Amino acid sequence: MSFFISDAYAEGAAGPAGGGFELILMMGVFFAIMYFMIIRPQQKRAKEHKNMLAALSKGDEIVTGGGLLGKISSIGDNFVEVEVAENTKVKVQTQAVATVMPKGTMKGA
């Protein structure tokens, strides 16, 4: 009953149209875009955060990653003691410090 339908046969396989050079070039461009859009800014932020942590000193007003605002009362190797209210001190990891606030921020809060 296949009077009207002709059989379909596959044609010979064709090689890559542009060769491997275009693929390598496209992958290089893609990596360059990823580097300048994602990797480099992340490295820059990490370096700035590391410098900020190295410059911490007693009396600095900080905000932690959890949003806790306080004044540094003592600094250790891995932990910072933060005074969040009068006679209320909390120890947090040094890496948890998100930003250093301007002096007098706690008085206005």
PDB file of N, CA and C in Angstrom:
ATOM      1  N   MET A   1       0.793  -1.200   0.000  1.00  0.00           N
ATOM      2  CA  MET A   1       0.000   0.000   0.000  1.00  0.00           C
ATOM      3  C   MET A   1       0.831   1.259   0.000  1.00  0.00           C
ATOM      4  N   SER A   2       2.069   1.165  -0.273  1.00  0.00           N
ATOM      5  CA  SER A   2       2.898   2.356  -0.271  1.00  0.00           C
ATOM      6  C   SER A   2       3.070   2.880  -1.677  1.00  0.00           C
ATOM      7  N   PHE A   3       1.970   3.078  -2.356  1.00  0.00           N
ATOM      8  CA  PHE A   3       2.016   3.585  -3.722  1.00  0.00           C
ATOM      9  C   PHE A   3       2.364   5.067  -3.769  1.00  0.00           C
ATOM     10  N   PHE A   4       1.894   5.818  -2.777  1.00  0.00           N
ATOM     11  CA  PHE A   4       2.048   7.265  -2.815  1.00  0.00           C
ATOM     12  C   PHE A   4       3.216   7.777  -1.983  1.00  0.00           C
ATOM     13  N   ILE A   5       3.737   6.961  -1.099  1.00  0.00           N
ATOM     14  CA  ILE A   5       4.800   7.405  -0.220  1.00  0.00           C
ATOM     15  C   ILE A   5       6.103   6.775  -0.689  1.00  0.00           C
ATOM     16  N   SER A   6       7.056   7.624  -0.980  1.00  0.00           N
ATOM     17  CA  SER A   6       8.337   7.083  -1.410  1.00  0.00           C
ATOM     18  C   SER A   6       9.239   6.910  -0.196  1.00  0.00           C
ATOM     19  N   ASP A   7      10.143   5.990  -0.277  1.00  0.00           N
ATOM     20  CA  ASP A   7      11.058   5.723   0.836  1.00  0.00           C
ATOM     21  C   ASP A   7      12.048   6.879   0.971  1.00  0.00           C
ATOM     22  N   ALA A   8      12.382   7.233   2.242  1.00  0.00           N
ATOM     23  CA  ALA A   8      13.338   8.303   2.512  1.00  0.00           C
ATOM     24  C   ALA A   8      14.662   7.671   2.896  1.00  0.00           C
ATOM     25  N   TYR A   9      15.724   8.123   2.243  1.00  0.00           N
ATOM     26  CA  TYR A   9      17.058   7.611   2.546  1.00  0.00           C
ATOM     27  C   TYR A   9      17.914   8.764   3.063  1.00  0.00           C
ATOM     28  N   ALA A  10      18.763   8.444   4.035  1.00  0.00           N
ATOM     29  CA  ALA A  10      19.633   9.464   4.613  1.00  0.00           C
ATOM     30  C   ALA A  10      20.729   9.816   3.634  1.00  0.00           C
ATOM     31  N   GLU A  11      21.089  11.108   3.613  1.00  0.00           N
ATOM     32  CA  GLU A  11      22.174  11.546   2.761  1.00  0.00           C
ATOM     33  C   GLU A  11      23.483  11.323   3.491  1.00  0.00           C
ATOM     34  N   GLY A  12      24.565  11.406   2.798  1.00  0.00           N
ATOM     35  CA  GLY A  12      25.877  11.237   3.414  1.00  0.00           C
ATOM     36  C   GLY A  12      26.102  12.319   4.459  1.00  0.00           C
ATOM     37  N   ALA A  13      26.763  11.962   5.538  1.00  0.00           N
ATOM     38  CA  ALA A  13      27.001  12.912   6.625  1.00  0.00           C
ATOM     39  C   ALA A  13      27.965  13.992   6.166  1.00  0.00           C
ATOM     40  N   ALA A  14      27.620  15.235   6.468  1.00  0.00           N
ATOM     41  CA  ALA A  14      28.466  16.367   6.095  1.00  0.00           C
ATOM     42  C   ALA A  14      29.406  16.677   7.246  1.00  0.00           C
ATOM     43  N   GLY A  15      30.615  17.127   6.960  1.00  0.00           N
ATOM     44  CA  GLY A  15      31.597  17.493   7.980  1.00  0.00           C
ATOM     45  C   GLY A  15      31.220  18.819   8.613  1.00  0.00           C
ATOM     46  N   PRO A  16      31.980  19.239   9.613  1.00  0.00           N
ATOM     47  CA  PRO A  16      31.677  20.535  10.240  1.00  0.00           C
ATOM     48  C   PRO A  16      31.806  21.663   9.225  1.00  0.00           C
ATOM     49  N   ALA A  17      30.855  22.581   9.293  1.00  0.00           N
ATOM     50  CA  ALA A  17      30.791  23.632   8.289  1.00  0.00           C
ATOM     51  C   ALA A  17      31.983  24.586   8.378  1.00  0.00           C
ATOM     52  N   GLY A  18      32.373  24.976   9.599  1.00  0.00           N
ATOM     53  CA  GLY A  18      33.416  25.978   9.717  1.00  0.00           C
ATOM     54  C   GLY A  18      34.717  25.427  10.255  1.00  0.00           C
ATOM     55  N   GLY A  19      34.769  24.181  10.567  1.00  0.00           N
ATOM     56  CA  GLY A  19      35.974  23.616  11.140  1.00  0.00           C
ATOM     57  C   GLY A  19      36.008  23.832  12.646  1.00  0.00           C
ATOM     58  N   GLY A  20      37.076  23.402  13.283  1.00  0.00           N
ATOM     59  CA  GLY A  20      37.190  23.492  14.734  1.00  0.00           C
ATOM     60  C   GLY A  20      37.626  24.850  15.230  1.00  0.00           C
ATOM     61  N   PHE A  21      38.180  25.689  14.371  1.00  0.00           N
ATOM     62  CA  PHE A  21      38.683  26.998  14.790  1.00  0.00           C
ATOM     63  C   PHE A  21      37.573  27.881  15.344  1.00  0.00           C
ATOM     64  N   GLU A  22      36.427  27.889  14.692  1.00  0.00           N
ATOM     65  CA  GLU A  22      35.323  28.743  15.145  1.00  0.00           C
ATOM     66  C   GLU A  22      34.796  28.289  16.502  1.00  0.00           C
ATOM     67  N   LEU A  23      34.798  26.987  16.738  1.00  0.00           N
ATOM     68  CA  LEU A  23      34.354  26.473  18.028  1.00  0.00           C
ATOM     69  C   LEU A  23      35.312  26.913  19.131  1.00  0.00           C
ATOM     70  N   ILE A  24      36.604  26.808  18.881  1.00  0.00           N
ATOM     71  CA  ILE A  24      37.602  27.221  19.867  1.00  0.00           C
ATOM     72  C   ILE A  24      37.513  28.721  20.114  1.00  0.00           C
ATOM     73  N   LEU A  25      37.336  29.497  19.057  1.00  0.00           N
ATOM     74  CA  LEU A  25      37.201  30.943  19.198  1.00  0.00           C
ATOM     75  C   LEU A  25      35.966  31.299  20.021  1.00  0.00           C
ATOM     76  N   MET A  26      34.857  30.639  19.767  1.00  0.00           N
ATOM     77  CA  MET A  26      33.624  30.913  20.495  1.00  0.00           C
ATOM     78  C   MET A  26      33.785  30.537  21.974  1.00  0.00           C
ATOM     79  N   MET A  27      34.457  29.432  22.256  1.00  0.00           N
ATOM     80  CA  MET A  27      34.682  29.042  23.651  1.00  0.00           C
ATOM     81  C   MET A  27      35.596  30.044  24.357  1.00  0.00           C
ATOM     82  N   GLY A  28      36.593  30.568  23.649  1.00  0.00           N
ATOM     83  CA  GLY A  28      37.479  31.574  24.221  1.00  0.00           C
ATOM     84  C   GLY A  28      36.741  32.858  24.539  1.00  0.00           C
ATOM     85  N   VAL A  29      35.866  33.290  23.642  1.00  0.00           N
ATOM     86  CA  VAL A  29      35.066  34.499  23.876  1.00  0.00           C
ATOM     87  C   VAL A  29      34.128  34.282  25.055  1.00  0.00           C
ATOM     88  N   PHE A  30      33.529  33.104  25.125  1.00  0.00           N
ATOM     89  CA  PHE A  30      32.625  32.787  26.234  1.00  0.00           C
ATOM     90  C   PHE A  30      33.384  32.821  27.564  1.00  0.00           C
ATOM     91  N   PHE A  31      34.579  32.248  27.617  1.00  0.00           N
ATOM     92  CA  PHE A  31      35.373  32.271  28.846  1.00  0.00           C
ATOM     93  C   PHE A  31      35.756  33.702  29.226  1.00  0.00           C
ATOM     94  N   ALA A  32      36.122  34.514  28.235  1.00  0.00           N
ATOM     95  CA  ALA A  32      36.487  35.905  28.518  1.00  0.00           C
ATOM     96  C   ALA A  32      35.294  36.667  29.104  1.00  0.00           C
ATOM     97  N   ILE A  33      34.121  36.456  28.571  1.00  0.00           N
ATOM     98  CA  ILE A  33      32.918  37.110  29.100  1.00  0.00           C
ATOM     99  C   ILE A  33      32.661  36.649  30.529  1.00  0.00           C
ATOM    100  N   MET A  34      32.767  35.343  30.774  1.00  0.00           N
ATOM    101  CA  MET A  34      32.554  34.815  32.129  1.00  0.00           C
ATOM    102  C   MET A  34      33.581  35.401  33.102  1.00  0.00           C
ATOM    103  N   TYR A  35      34.823  35.527  32.662  1.00  0.00           N
ATOM    104  CA  TYR A  35      35.873  36.052  33.533  1.00  0.00           C
ATOM    105  C   TYR A  35      35.588  37.503  33.923  1.00  0.00           C
ATOM    106  N   PHE A  36      35.267  38.342  32.947  1.00  0.00           N
ATOM    107  CA  PHE A  36      35.064  39.758  33.236  1.00  0.00           C
ATOM    108  C   PHE A  36      33.718  40.058  33.882  1.00  0.00           C
ATOM    109  N   MET A  37      32.733  39.184  33.716  1.00  0.00           N
ATOM    110  CA  MET A  37      31.414  39.440  34.294  1.00  0.00           C
ATOM    111  C   MET A  37      31.216  38.780  35.662  1.00  0.00           C
ATOM    112  N   ILE A  38      31.890  37.661  35.925  1.00  0.00           N
ATOM    113  CA  ILE A  38      31.628  36.918  37.154  1.00  0.00           C
ATOM    114  C   ILE A  38      32.879  36.750  38.012  1.00  0.00           C
ATOM    115  N   ILE A  39      33.934  36.184  37.466  1.00  0.00           N
ATOM    116  CA  ILE A  39      35.095  35.802  38.263  1.00  0.00           C
ATOM    117  C   ILE A  39      35.849  37.021  38.788  1.00  0.00           C
ATOM    118  N   ARG A  40      36.161  37.963  37.936  1.00  0.00           N
ATOM    119  CA  ARG A  40      36.960  39.130  38.344  1.00  0.00           C
ATOM    120  C   ARG A  40      36.250  39.996  39.392  1.00  0.00           C
ATOM    121  N   PRO A  41      34.962  40.331  39.228  1.00  0.00           N
ATOM    122  CA  PRO A  41      34.292  41.118  40.274  1.00  0.00           C
ATOM    123  C   PRO A  41      34.232  40.384  41.621  1.00  0.00           C
ATOM    124  N   GLN A  42      34.051  39.053  41.572  1.00  0.00           N
ATOM    125  CA  GLN A  42      34.012  38.284  42.817  1.00  0.00           C
ATOM    126  C   GLN A  42      35.361  38.332  43.520  1.00  0.00           C
ATOM    127  N   GLN A  43      36.443  38.212  42.765  1.00  0.00           N
ATOM    128  CA  GLN A  43      37.779  38.291  43.360  1.00  0.00           C
ATOM    129  C   GLN A  43      38.026  39.679  43.949  1.00  0.00           C
ATOM    130  N   LYS A  44      37.538  40.711  43.280  1.00  0.00           N
ATOM    131  CA  LYS A  44      37.712  42.074  43.763  1.00  0.00           C
ATOM    132  C   LYS A  44      36.957  42.288  45.081  1.00  0.00           C
ATOM    133  N   ARG A  45      35.709  41.783  45.161  1.00  0.00           N
ATOM    134  CA  ARG A  45      34.928  41.909  46.394  1.00  0.00           C
ATOM    135  C   ARG A  45      35.597  41.148  47.544  1.00  0.00           C
ATOM    136  N   ALA A  46      36.124  39.951  47.256  1.00  0.00           N
ATOM    137  CA  ALA A  46      36.785  39.159  48.291  1.00  0.00           C
ATOM    138  C   ALA A  46      38.030  39.876  48.810  1.00  0.00           C
ATOM    139  N   LYS A  47      38.774  40.499  47.921  1.00  0.00           N
ATOM    140  CA  LYS A  47      39.979  41.229  48.328  1.00  0.00           C
ATOM    141  C   LYS A  47      39.608  42.437  49.188  1.00  0.00           C
ATOM    142  N   GLU A  48      38.561  43.174  48.807  1.00  0.00           N
ATOM    143  CA  GLU A  48      38.110  44.330  49.590  1.00  0.00           C
ATOM    144  C   GLU A  48      37.638  43.903  50.977  1.00  0.00           C
ATOM    145  N   HIS A  49      36.907  42.771  51.054  1.00  0.00           N
ATOM    146  CA  HIS A  49      36.411  42.272  52.337  1.00  0.00           C
ATOM    147  C   HIS A  49      37.577  41.855  53.230  1.00  0.00           C
ATOM    148  N   LYS A  50      38.578  41.205  52.655  1.00  0.00           N
ATOM    149  CA  LYS A  50      39.750  40.786  53.414  1.00  0.00           C
ATOM    150  C   LYS A  50      40.501  41.999  53.969  1.00  0.00           C
ATOM    151  N   ASN A  51      40.657  43.041  53.148  1.00  0.00           N
ATOM    152  CA  ASN A  51      41.322  44.273  53.608  1.00  0.00           C
ATOM    153  C   ASN A  51      40.522  44.961  54.707  1.00  0.00           C
ATOM    154  N   MET A  52      39.183  44.947  54.590  1.00  0.00           N
ATOM    155  CA  MET A  52      38.330  45.552  55.605  1.00  0.00           C
ATOM    156  C   MET A  52      38.488  44.804  56.930  1.00  0.00           C
ATOM    157  N   LEU A  53      38.514  43.478  56.885  1.00  0.00           N
ATOM    158  CA  LEU A  53      38.660  42.685  58.108  1.00  0.00           C
ATOM    159  C   LEU A  53      40.024  42.912  58.745  1.00  0.00           C
ATOM    160  N   ALA A  54      41.050  43.080  57.934  1.00  0.00           N
ATOM    161  CA  ALA A  54      42.391  43.318  58.471  1.00  0.00           C
ATOM    162  C   ALA A  54      42.484  44.684  59.151  1.00  0.00           C
ATOM    163  N   ALA A  55      41.658  45.634  58.728  1.00  0.00           N
ATOM    164  CA  ALA A  55      41.714  46.991  59.273  1.00  0.00           C
ATOM    165  C   ALA A  55      40.775  47.199  60.461  1.00  0.00           C
ATOM    166  N   LEU A  56      40.063  46.162  60.899  1.00  0.00           N
ATOM    167  CA  LEU A  56      39.151  46.317  62.039  1.00  0.00           C
ATOM    168  C   LEU A  56      39.935  46.666  63.292  1.00  0.00           C
ATOM    169  N   SER A  57      39.353  47.537  64.105  1.00  0.00           N
ATOM    170  CA  SER A  57      39.994  47.902  65.366  1.00  0.00           C
ATOM    171  C   SER A  57      38.930  48.090  66.446  1.00  0.00           C
ATOM    172  N   LYS A  58      39.369  48.097  67.681  1.00  0.00           N
ATOM    173  CA  LYS A  58      38.464  48.282  68.814  1.00  0.00           C
ATOM    174  C   LYS A  58      37.786  49.643  68.693  1.00  0.00           C
ATOM    175  N   GLY A  59      36.471  49.657  68.893  1.00  0.00           N
ATOM    176  CA  GLY A  59      35.710  50.901  68.808  1.00  0.00           C
ATOM    177  C   GLY A  59      35.009  51.100  67.473  1.00  0.00           C
ATOM    178  N   ASP A  60      35.350  50.302  66.456  1.00  0.00           N
ATOM    179  CA  ASP A  60      34.669  50.414  65.162  1.00  0.00           C
ATOM    180  C   ASP A  60      33.223  49.951  65.297  1.00  0.00           C
ATOM    181  N   GLU A  61      32.331  50.645  64.626  1.00  0.00           N
ATOM    182  CA  GLU A  61      30.924  50.246  64.596  1.00  0.00           C
ATOM    183  C   GLU A  61      30.710  49.417  63.337  1.00  0.00           C
ATOM    184  N   ILE A  62      30.148  48.221  63.512  1.00  0.00           N
ATOM    185  CA  ILE A  62      30.018  47.272  62.401  1.00  0.00           C
ATOM    186  C   ILE A  62      28.598  46.746  62.276  1.00  0.00           C
ATOM    187  N   VAL A  63      28.326  46.161  61.130  1.00  0.00           N
ATOM    188  CA  VAL A  63      27.101  45.414  60.906  1.00  0.00           C
ATOM    189  C   VAL A  63      27.527  44.024  60.476  1.00  0.00           C
ATOM    190  N   THR A  64      26.943  42.999  61.109  1.00  0.00           N
ATOM    191  CA  THR A  64      27.276  41.626  60.756  1.00  0.00           C
ATOM    192  C   THR A  64      26.424  41.176  59.570  1.00  0.00           C
ATOM    193  N   GLY A  65      26.742  40.005  59.069  1.00  0.00           N
ATOM    194  CA  GLY A  65      25.978  39.446  57.959  1.00  0.00           C
ATOM    195  C   GLY A  65      24.518  39.200  58.321  1.00  0.00           C
ATOM    196  N   GLY A  66      24.238  39.002  59.610  1.00  0.00           N
ATOM    197  CA  GLY A  66      22.864  38.796  60.066  1.00  0.00           C
ATOM    198  C   GLY A  66      22.122  40.080  60.365  1.00  0.00           C
ATOM    199  N   GLY A  67      22.800  41.233  60.212  1.00  0.00           N
ATOM    200  CA  GLY A  67      22.145  42.517  60.416  1.00  0.00           C
ATOM    201  C   GLY A  67      22.312  43.086  61.813  1.00  0.00           C
ATOM    202  N   LEU A  68      23.199  42.508  62.602  1.00  0.00           N
ATOM    203  CA  LEU A  68      23.424  42.967  63.965  1.00  0.00           C
ATOM    204  C   LEU A  68      24.354  44.175  63.955  1.00  0.00           C
ATOM    205  N   LEU A  69      23.905  45.283  64.560  1.00  0.00           N
ATOM    206  CA  LEU A  69      24.699  46.517  64.630  1.00  0.00           C
ATOM    207  C   LEU A  69      25.327  46.606  66.011  1.00  0.00           C
ATOM    208  N   GLY A  70      26.626  46.858  66.047  1.00  0.00           N
ATOM    209  CA  GLY A  70      27.289  46.966  67.342  1.00  0.00           C
ATOM    210  C   GLY A  70      28.664  47.589  67.225  1.00  0.00           C
ATOM    211  N   LYS A  71      29.302  47.757  68.386  1.00  0.00           N
ATOM    212  CA  LYS A  71      30.634  48.353  68.460  1.00  0.00           C
ATOM    213  C   LYS A  71      31.602  47.269  68.916  1.00  0.00           C
ATOM    214  N   ILE A  72      32.756  47.196  68.265  1.00  0.00           N
ATOM    215  CA  ILE A  72      33.752  46.180  68.597  1.00  0.00           C
ATOM    216  C   ILE A  72      34.370  46.513  69.945  1.00  0.00           C
ATOM    217  N   SER A  73      34.336  45.538  70.878  1.00  0.00           N
ATOM    218  CA  SER A  73      34.956  45.739  72.185  1.00  0.00           C
ATOM    219  C   SER A  73      36.271  44.983  72.303  1.00  0.00           C
ATOM    220  N   SER A  74      36.429  43.889  71.550  1.00  0.00           N
ATOM    221  CA  SER A  74      37.718  43.201  71.508  1.00  0.00           C
ATOM    222  C   SER A  74      37.789  42.364  70.229  1.00  0.00           C
ATOM    223  N   ILE A  75      39.033  42.147  69.778  1.00  0.00           N
ATOM    224  CA  ILE A  75      39.252  41.408  68.531  1.00  0.00           C
ATOM    225  C   ILE A  75      40.203  40.254  68.815  1.00  0.00           C
ATOM    226  N   GLY A  76      39.816  39.064  68.373  1.00  0.00           N
ATOM    227  CA  GLY A  76      40.683  37.895  68.452  1.00  0.00           C
ATOM    228  C   GLY A  76      41.090  37.473  67.049  1.00  0.00           C
ATOM    229  N   ASP A  77      41.715  36.302  66.951  1.00  0.00           N
ATOM    230  CA  ASP A  77      42.132  35.811  65.637  1.00  0.00           C
ATOM    231  C   ASP A  77      40.929  35.448  64.766  1.00  0.00           C
ATOM    232  N   ASN A  78      39.973  34.716  65.363  1.00  0.00           N
ATOM    233  CA  ASN A  78      38.827  34.242  64.582  1.00  0.00           C
ATOM    234  C   ASN A  78      37.502  34.861  65.004  1.00  0.00           C
ATOM    235  N   PHE A  79      37.481  35.498  66.166  1.00  0.00           N
ATOM    236  CA  PHE A  79      36.224  36.034  66.673  1.00  0.00           C
ATOM    237  C   PHE A  79      36.374  37.502  67.067  1.00  0.00           C
ATOM    238  N   VAL A  80      35.254  38.205  66.993  1.00  0.00           N
ATOM    239  CA  VAL A  80      35.178  39.611  67.380  1.00  0.00           C
ATOM    240  C   VAL A  80      34.087  39.716  68.434  1.00  0.00           C
ATOM    241  N   GLU A  81      34.369  40.424  69.514  1.00  0.00           N
ATOM    242  CA  GLU A  81      33.353  40.649  70.535  1.00  0.00           C
ATOM    243  C   GLU A  81      32.685  41.987  70.238  1.00  0.00           C
ATOM    244  N   VAL A  82      31.380  41.950  70.062  1.00  0.00           N
ATOM    245  CA  VAL A  82      30.614  43.132  69.654  1.00  0.00           C
ATOM    246  C   VAL A  82      29.659  43.518  70.776  1.00  0.00           C
ATOM    247  N   GLU A  83      29.718  44.771  71.167  1.00  0.00           N
ATOM    248  CA  GLU A  83      28.788  45.281  72.170  1.00  0.00           C
ATOM    249  C   GLU A  83      27.567  45.838  71.438  1.00  0.00           C
ATOM    250  N   VAL A  84      26.426  45.173  71.613  1.00  0.00           N
ATOM    251  CA  VAL A  84      25.214  45.574  70.900  1.00  0.00           C
ATOM    252  C   VAL A  84      24.344  46.505  71.733  1.00  0.00           C
ATOM    253  N   ALA A  85      24.503  46.471  73.037  1.00  0.00           N
ATOM    254  CA  ALA A  85      23.806  47.380  73.949  1.00  0.00           C
ATOM    255  C   ALA A  85      24.688  47.508  75.187  1.00  0.00           C
ATOM    256  N   GLU A  86      24.317  48.370  76.102  1.00  0.00           N
ATOM    257  CA  GLU A  86      25.108  48.554  77.297  1.00  0.00           C
ATOM    258  C   GLU A  86      25.148  47.241  78.083  1.00  0.00           C
ATOM    259  N   ASN A  87      26.355  46.774  78.378  1.00  0.00           N
ATOM    260  CA  ASN A  87      26.594  45.519  79.104  1.00  0.00           C
ATOM    261  C   ASN A  87      26.064  44.282  78.371  1.00  0.00           C
ATOM    262  N   THR A  88      25.890  44.348  77.076  1.00  0.00           N
ATOM    263  CA  THR A  88      25.470  43.196  76.283  1.00  0.00           C
ATOM    264  C   THR A  88      26.474  42.992  75.163  1.00  0.00           C
ATOM    265  N   LYS A  89      27.249  41.904  75.282  1.00  0.00           N
ATOM    266  CA  LYS A  89      28.288  41.618  74.299  1.00  0.00           C
ATOM    267  C   LYS A  89      28.013  40.275  73.636  1.00  0.00           C
ATOM    268  N   VAL A  90      28.340  40.220  72.369  1.00  0.00           N
ATOM    269  CA  VAL A  90      28.127  39.016  71.568  1.00  0.00           C
ATOM    270  C   VAL A  90      29.416  38.724  70.827  1.00  0.00           C
ATOM    271  N   LYS A  91      29.774  37.440  70.764  1.00  0.00           N
ATOM    272  CA  LYS A  91      30.941  37.052  69.976  1.00  0.00           C
ATOM    273  C   LYS A  91      30.467  36.556  68.622  1.00  0.00           C
ATOM    274  N   VAL A  92      31.075  37.073  67.574  1.00  0.00           N
ATOM    275  CA  VAL A  92      30.764  36.632  66.215  1.00  0.00           C
ATOM    276  C   VAL A  92      32.071  36.323  65.487  1.00  0.00           C
ATOM    277  N   GLN A  93      31.981  35.482  64.490  1.00  0.00           N
ATOM    278  CA  GLN A  93      33.162  35.195  63.688  1.00  0.00           C
ATOM    279  C   GLN A  93      33.579  36.444  62.934  1.00  0.00           C
ATOM    280  N   THR A  94      34.864  36.584  62.744  1.00  0.00           N
ATOM    281  CA  THR A  94      35.382  37.751  62.034  1.00  0.00           C
ATOM    282  C   THR A  94      34.827  37.812  60.612  1.00  0.00           C
ATOM    283  N   GLN A  95      34.672  36.655  59.973  1.00  0.00           N
ATOM    284  CA  GLN A  95      34.159  36.609  58.611  1.00  0.00           C
ATOM    285  C   GLN A  95      32.706  37.074  58.519  1.00  0.00           C
ATOM    286  N   ALA A  96      31.989  37.091  59.649  1.00  0.00           N
ATOM    287  CA  ALA A  96      30.581  37.503  59.649  1.00  0.00           C
ATOM    288  C   ALA A  96      30.416  39.016  59.582  1.00  0.00           C
ATOM    289  N   VAL A  97      31.491  39.758  59.753  1.00  0.00           N
ATOM    290  CA  VAL A  97      31.398  41.221  59.673  1.00  0.00           C
ATOM    291  C   VAL A  97      31.166  41.614  58.217  1.00  0.00           C
ATOM    292  N   ALA A  98      30.055  42.276  57.962  1.00  0.00           N
ATOM    293  CA  ALA A  98      29.702  42.646  56.585  1.00  0.00           C
ATOM    294  C   ALA A  98      30.237  44.017  56.212  1.00  0.00           C
ATOM    295  N   THR A  99      30.019  45.015  57.073  1.00  0.00           N
ATOM    296  CA  THR A  99      30.458  46.370  56.757  1.00  0.00           C
ATOM    297  C   THR A  99      30.897  47.095  58.022  1.00  0.00           C
ATOM    298  N   VAL A 100      31.731  48.090  57.837  1.00  0.00           N
ATOM    299  CA  VAL A 100      32.102  49.007  58.908  1.00  0.00           C
ATOM    300  C   VAL A 100      31.296  50.288  58.695  1.00  0.00           C
ATOM    301  N   MET A 101      30.587  50.690  59.718  1.00  0.00           N
ATOM    302  CA  MET A 101      29.720  51.860  59.633  1.00  0.00           C
ATOM    303  C   MET A 101      30.485  53.108  60.081  1.00  0.00           C
ATOM    304  N   PRO A 102      30.020  54.286  59.685  1.00  0.00           N
ATOM    305  CA  PRO A 102      30.648  55.533  60.160  1.00  0.00           C
ATOM    306  C   PRO A 102      30.450  55.692  61.676  1.00  0.00           C
ATOM    307  N   LYS A 103      31.382  56.376  62.300  1.00  0.00           N
ATOM    308  CA  LYS A 103      31.294  56.627  63.757  1.00  0.00           C
ATOM    309  C   LYS A 103      29.999  57.383  64.071  1.00  0.00           C
ATOM    310  N   GLY A 104      29.345  56.989  65.154  1.00  0.00           N
ATOM    311  CA  GLY A 104      28.110  57.645  65.576  1.00  0.00           C
ATOM    312  C   GLY A 104      26.855  57.031  65.002  1.00  0.00           C
ATOM    313  N   THR A 105      26.970  55.955  64.276  1.00  0.00           N
ATOM    314  CA  THR A 105      25.802  55.306  63.684  1.00  0.00           C
ATOM    315  C   THR A 105      24.910  54.713  64.757  1.00  0.00           C
ATOM    316  N   MET A 106      25.506  54.153  65.803  1.00  0.00           N
ATOM    317  CA  MET A 106      24.711  53.521  66.858  1.00  0.00           C
ATOM    318  C   MET A 106      23.886  54.530  67.649  1.00  0.00           C
ATOM    319  N   LYS A 107      24.361  55.753  67.791  1.00  0.00           N
ATOM    320  CA  LYS A 107      23.619  56.769  68.516  1.00  0.00           C
ATOM    321  C   LYS A 107      22.347  57.146  67.773  1.00  0.00           C
ATOM    322  N   GLY A 108      22.406  57.135  66.452  1.00  0.00           N
ATOM    323  CA  GLY A 108      21.247  57.509  65.644  1.00  0.00           C
ATOM    324  C   GLY A 108      20.247  56.366  65.479  1.00  0.00           C
ATOM    325  N   ALA A 109      20.681  55.138  65.778  1.00  0.00           N
ATOM    326  CA  ALA A 109      19.803  53.974  65.575  1.00  0.00           C
ATOM    327  C   ALA A 109      18.879  53.768  66.728  1.00  0.00           C
TER     328      ALA A 109
END
